[in-house]
Amino acid sequence: MEQPKAFKKRYVVIKSNRDFSYLFKKGDSTVNYAFVCYMKPRRAGKDRLGIVTGKKVGNAVKRNRSRRIIREAFRLFEPILKEKTERRFDFVFVARAKTPTLKTQQVLSLMKKNILPKL
């Protein structure tokens, strides 16, 4: 049997507290009812993504759903981002209380509407 092709991520995950803090302080932010997005251009490499879900979002199930929705919407948003600009960015999305009730397509349309004009 032939092995299926491995899925390759087009972005790197932000994990260090230092990177999150830096983006919170220095990044441009955009706010809507689904999420807050902090973004900052970077010199090279791939786009980087960080997702924050606080306790206000709900229990663990709702927080994980929020992360999954944002991650999938970002996966669909990234080709649009690459088409629009050559620059690479660091993104941190902070989920809000309404995020777990939304669909991925709704979050994707909010990303297009709020993030693309700021690039």
C-alpha atoms as a PDB file:
ATOM      1  CA  MET A   1       0.000   0.000   0.000  1.00  0.00           C
ATOM      2  CA  GLU A   2       1.151   3.496  -0.811  1.00  0.00           C
ATOM      3  CA  GLN A   3       1.607   5.949   2.044  1.00  0.00           C
ATOM      4  CA  PRO A   4      -0.617   9.049   1.835  1.00  0.00           C
ATOM      5  CA  LYS A   5       1.155  12.368   1.375  1.00  0.00           C
ATOM      6  CA  ALA A   6       1.904  14.088   4.669  1.00  0.00           C
ATOM      7  CA  PHE A   7       0.019  17.308   5.327  1.00  0.00           C
ATOM      8  CA  LYS A   8       2.468  20.198   5.404  1.00  0.00           C
ATOM      9  CA  LYS A   9       1.655  23.284   7.458  1.00  0.00           C
ATOM     10  CA  ARG A  10       2.185  26.616   5.757  1.00  0.00           C
ATOM     11  CA  TYR A  11       2.650  28.424   9.032  1.00  0.00           C
ATOM     12  CA  VAL A  12       4.696  28.052  12.214  1.00  0.00           C
ATOM     13  CA  VAL A  13       3.054  28.022  15.645  1.00  0.00           C
ATOM     14  CA  ILE A  14       4.014  30.731  18.147  1.00  0.00           C
ATOM     15  CA  LYS A  15       4.649  29.105  21.503  1.00  0.00           C
ATOM     16  CA  SER A  16       6.949  31.335  23.550  1.00  0.00           C
ATOM     17  CA  ASN A  17       5.539  33.820  26.016  1.00  0.00           C
ATOM     18  CA  ARG A  18       8.128  36.358  24.824  1.00  0.00           C
ATOM     19  CA  ASP A  19       6.703  36.338  21.288  1.00  0.00           C
ATOM     20  CA  PHE A  20       3.116  36.694  22.548  1.00  0.00           C
ATOM     21  CA  SER A  21       4.051  39.606  24.821  1.00  0.00           C
ATOM     22  CA  TYR A  22       5.970  41.317  22.023  1.00  0.00           C
ATOM     23  CA  LEU A  23       2.986  41.101  19.673  1.00  0.00           C
ATOM     24  CA  PHE A  24       0.568  42.339  22.340  1.00  0.00           C
ATOM     25  CA  LYS A  25       2.756  45.405  22.916  1.00  0.00           C
ATOM     26  CA  LYS A  26       4.047  46.221  19.409  1.00  0.00           C
ATOM     27  CA  GLY A  27       1.563  44.624  17.004  1.00  0.00           C
ATOM     28  CA  ASP A  28      -1.280  46.323  15.147  1.00  0.00           C
ATOM     29  CA  SER A  29      -4.622  45.128  16.434  1.00  0.00           C
ATOM     30  CA  THR A  30      -8.022  44.675  14.915  1.00  0.00           C
ATOM     31  CA  VAL A  31     -11.099  43.914  16.995  1.00  0.00           C
ATOM     32  CA  ASN A  32     -14.467  42.371  16.183  1.00  0.00           C
ATOM     33  CA  TYR A  33     -17.054  40.262  17.979  1.00  0.00           C
ATOM     34  CA  ALA A  34     -15.342  36.937  17.142  1.00  0.00           C
ATOM     35  CA  PHE A  35     -11.674  37.642  17.906  1.00  0.00           C
ATOM     36  CA  VAL A  36      -8.957  40.200  18.495  1.00  0.00           C
ATOM     37  CA  CYS A  37      -6.053  39.929  16.055  1.00  0.00           C
ATOM     38  CA  TYR A  38      -2.571  41.270  16.721  1.00  0.00           C
ATOM     39  CA  MET A  39      -0.243  41.262  13.726  1.00  0.00           C
ATOM     40  CA  LYS A  40       3.255  42.404  12.928  1.00  0.00           C
ATOM     41  CA  PRO A  41       5.324  41.993   9.741  1.00  0.00           C
ATOM     42  CA  ARG A  42       8.376  39.747   9.924  1.00  0.00           C
ATOM     43  CA  ARG A  43      11.517  39.649   7.837  1.00  0.00           C
ATOM     44  CA  ALA A  44      11.531  36.156   6.378  1.00  0.00           C
ATOM     45  CA  GLY A  45      10.256  32.606   6.652  1.00  0.00           C
ATOM     46  CA  LYS A  46       6.663  31.516   7.001  1.00  0.00           C
ATOM     47  CA  ASP A  47       3.710  33.190   8.646  1.00  0.00           C
ATOM     48  CA  ARG A  48       3.457  32.465  12.363  1.00  0.00           C
ATOM     49  CA  LEU A  49       0.198  31.860  14.215  1.00  0.00           C
ATOM     50  CA  GLY A  50      -0.623  32.013  17.916  1.00  0.00           C
ATOM     51  CA  ILE A  51      -4.065  31.492  19.437  1.00  0.00           C
ATOM     52  CA  VAL A  52      -5.115  32.557  22.931  1.00  0.00           C
ATOM     53  CA  THR A  53      -8.336  31.415  24.562  1.00  0.00           C
ATOM     54  CA  GLY A  54      -9.034  32.654  28.065  1.00  0.00           C
ATOM     55  CA  LYS A  55     -11.357  31.248  30.684  1.00  0.00           C
ATOM     56  CA  LYS A  56     -14.059  33.751  29.716  1.00  0.00           C
ATOM     57  CA  VAL A  57     -14.601  31.814  26.474  1.00  0.00           C
ATOM     58  CA  GLY A  58     -16.116  28.904  28.410  1.00  0.00           C
ATOM     59  CA  ASN A  59     -15.211  25.390  29.460  1.00  0.00           C
ATOM     60  CA  ALA A  60     -12.410  23.343  27.859  1.00  0.00           C
ATOM     61  CA  VAL A  61     -14.661  22.039  25.090  1.00  0.00           C
ATOM     62  CA  LYS A  62     -15.622  25.575  23.992  1.00  0.00           C
ATOM     63  CA  ARG A  63     -12.032  26.825  24.231  1.00  0.00           C
ATOM     64  CA  ASN A  64     -10.790  23.950  22.060  1.00  0.00           C
ATOM     65  CA  ARG A  65     -13.584  24.533  19.547  1.00  0.00           C
ATOM     66  CA  SER A  66     -12.597  28.206  19.376  1.00  0.00           C
ATOM     67  CA  ARG A  67      -8.988  27.251  18.646  1.00  0.00           C
ATOM     68  CA  ARG A  68     -10.023  24.758  15.960  1.00  0.00           C
ATOM     69  CA  ILE A  69     -12.316  27.279  14.258  1.00  0.00           C
ATOM     70  CA  ILE A  70      -9.643  30.008  14.215  1.00  0.00           C
ATOM     71  CA  ARG A  71      -6.942  27.585  13.046  1.00  0.00           C
ATOM     72  CA  GLU A  72      -9.068  26.271  10.170  1.00  0.00           C
ATOM     73  CA  ALA A  73     -10.184  29.770   9.125  1.00  0.00           C
ATOM     74  CA  PHE A  74      -6.528  30.850   9.121  1.00  0.00           C
ATOM     75  CA  ARG A  75      -5.598  27.830   6.996  1.00  0.00           C
ATOM     76  CA  LEU A  76      -8.175  28.936   4.405  1.00  0.00           C
ATOM     77  CA  PHE A  77      -7.162  32.608   4.762  1.00  0.00           C
ATOM     78  CA  GLU A  78      -3.434  32.099   4.202  1.00  0.00           C
ATOM     79  CA  PRO A  79      -3.528  31.529   0.391  1.00  0.00           C
ATOM     80  CA  ILE A  80      -5.513  34.781   0.079  1.00  0.00           C
ATOM     81  CA  LEU A  81      -2.874  36.487   2.214  1.00  0.00           C
ATOM     82  CA  LYS A  82      -0.017  35.169   0.044  1.00  0.00           C
ATOM     83  CA  GLU A  83      -1.834  36.312  -3.093  1.00  0.00           C
ATOM     84  CA  LYS A  84      -2.301  39.822  -1.690  1.00  0.00           C
ATOM     85  CA  THR A  85       1.220  40.458  -0.364  1.00  0.00           C
ATOM     86  CA  GLU A  86       4.713  38.988  -0.435  1.00  0.00           C
ATOM     87  CA  ARG A  87       5.389  39.974   3.175  1.00  0.00           C
ATOM     88  CA  ARG A  88       5.167  37.445   6.021  1.00  0.00           C
ATOM     89  CA  PHE A  89       3.469  38.186   9.333  1.00  0.00           C
ATOM     90  CA  ASP A  90       3.144  37.072  12.934  1.00  0.00           C
ATOM     91  CA  PHE A  91      -0.499  36.721  13.973  1.00  0.00           C
ATOM     92  CA  VAL A  92      -1.966  36.252  17.450  1.00  0.00           C
ATOM     93  CA  PHE A  93      -5.702  35.670  17.644  1.00  0.00           C
ATOM     94  CA  VAL A  94      -7.475  36.099  20.972  1.00  0.00           C
ATOM     95  CA  ALA A  95     -10.783  34.242  21.009  1.00  0.00           C
ATOM     96  CA  ARG A  96     -13.812  35.964  22.457  1.00  0.00           C
ATOM     97  CA  ALA A  97     -16.933  34.579  24.147  1.00  0.00           C
ATOM     98  CA  LYS A  98     -18.871  34.424  20.855  1.00  0.00           C
ATOM     99  CA  THR A  99     -16.202  32.464  18.936  1.00  0.00           C
ATOM    100  CA  PRO A 100     -17.302  28.869  19.779  1.00  0.00           C
ATOM    101  CA  THR A 101     -20.814  29.530  18.456  1.00  0.00           C
ATOM    102  CA  LEU A 102     -19.580  30.642  15.018  1.00  0.00           C
ATOM    103  CA  LYS A 103     -18.842  28.629  11.880  1.00  0.00           C
ATOM    104  CA  THR A 104     -15.440  28.582  10.199  1.00  0.00           C
ATOM    105  CA  GLN A 105     -16.763  30.459   7.142  1.00  0.00           C
ATOM    106  CA  GLN A 106     -18.041  33.286   9.350  1.00  0.00           C
ATOM    107  CA  VAL A 107     -14.640  33.660  11.022  1.00  0.00           C
ATOM    108  CA  LEU A 108     -12.931  33.483   7.611  1.00  0.00           C
ATOM    109  CA  SER A 109     -15.106  36.312   6.255  1.00  0.00           C
ATOM    110  CA  LEU A 110     -14.282  38.403   9.342  1.00  0.00           C
ATOM    111  CA  MET A 111     -10.568  37.764   8.728  1.00  0.00           C
ATOM    112  CA  LYS A 112     -10.928  38.916   5.118  1.00  0.00           C
ATOM    113  CA  LYS A 113     -12.925  41.989   6.117  1.00  0.00           C
ATOM    114  CA  ASN A 114     -10.758  43.101   9.051  1.00  0.00           C
ATOM    115  CA  ILE A 115      -7.203  41.933   8.333  1.00  0.00           C
ATOM    116  CA  LEU A 116      -6.739  42.382   4.557  1.00  0.00           C
ATOM    117  CA  PRO A 117      -7.277  46.170   4.569  1.00  0.00           C
ATOM    118  CA  LYS A 118      -4.535  46.593   7.190  1.00  0.00           C
ATOM    119  CA  LEU A 119      -1.822  44.875   5.131  1.00  0.00           C
END
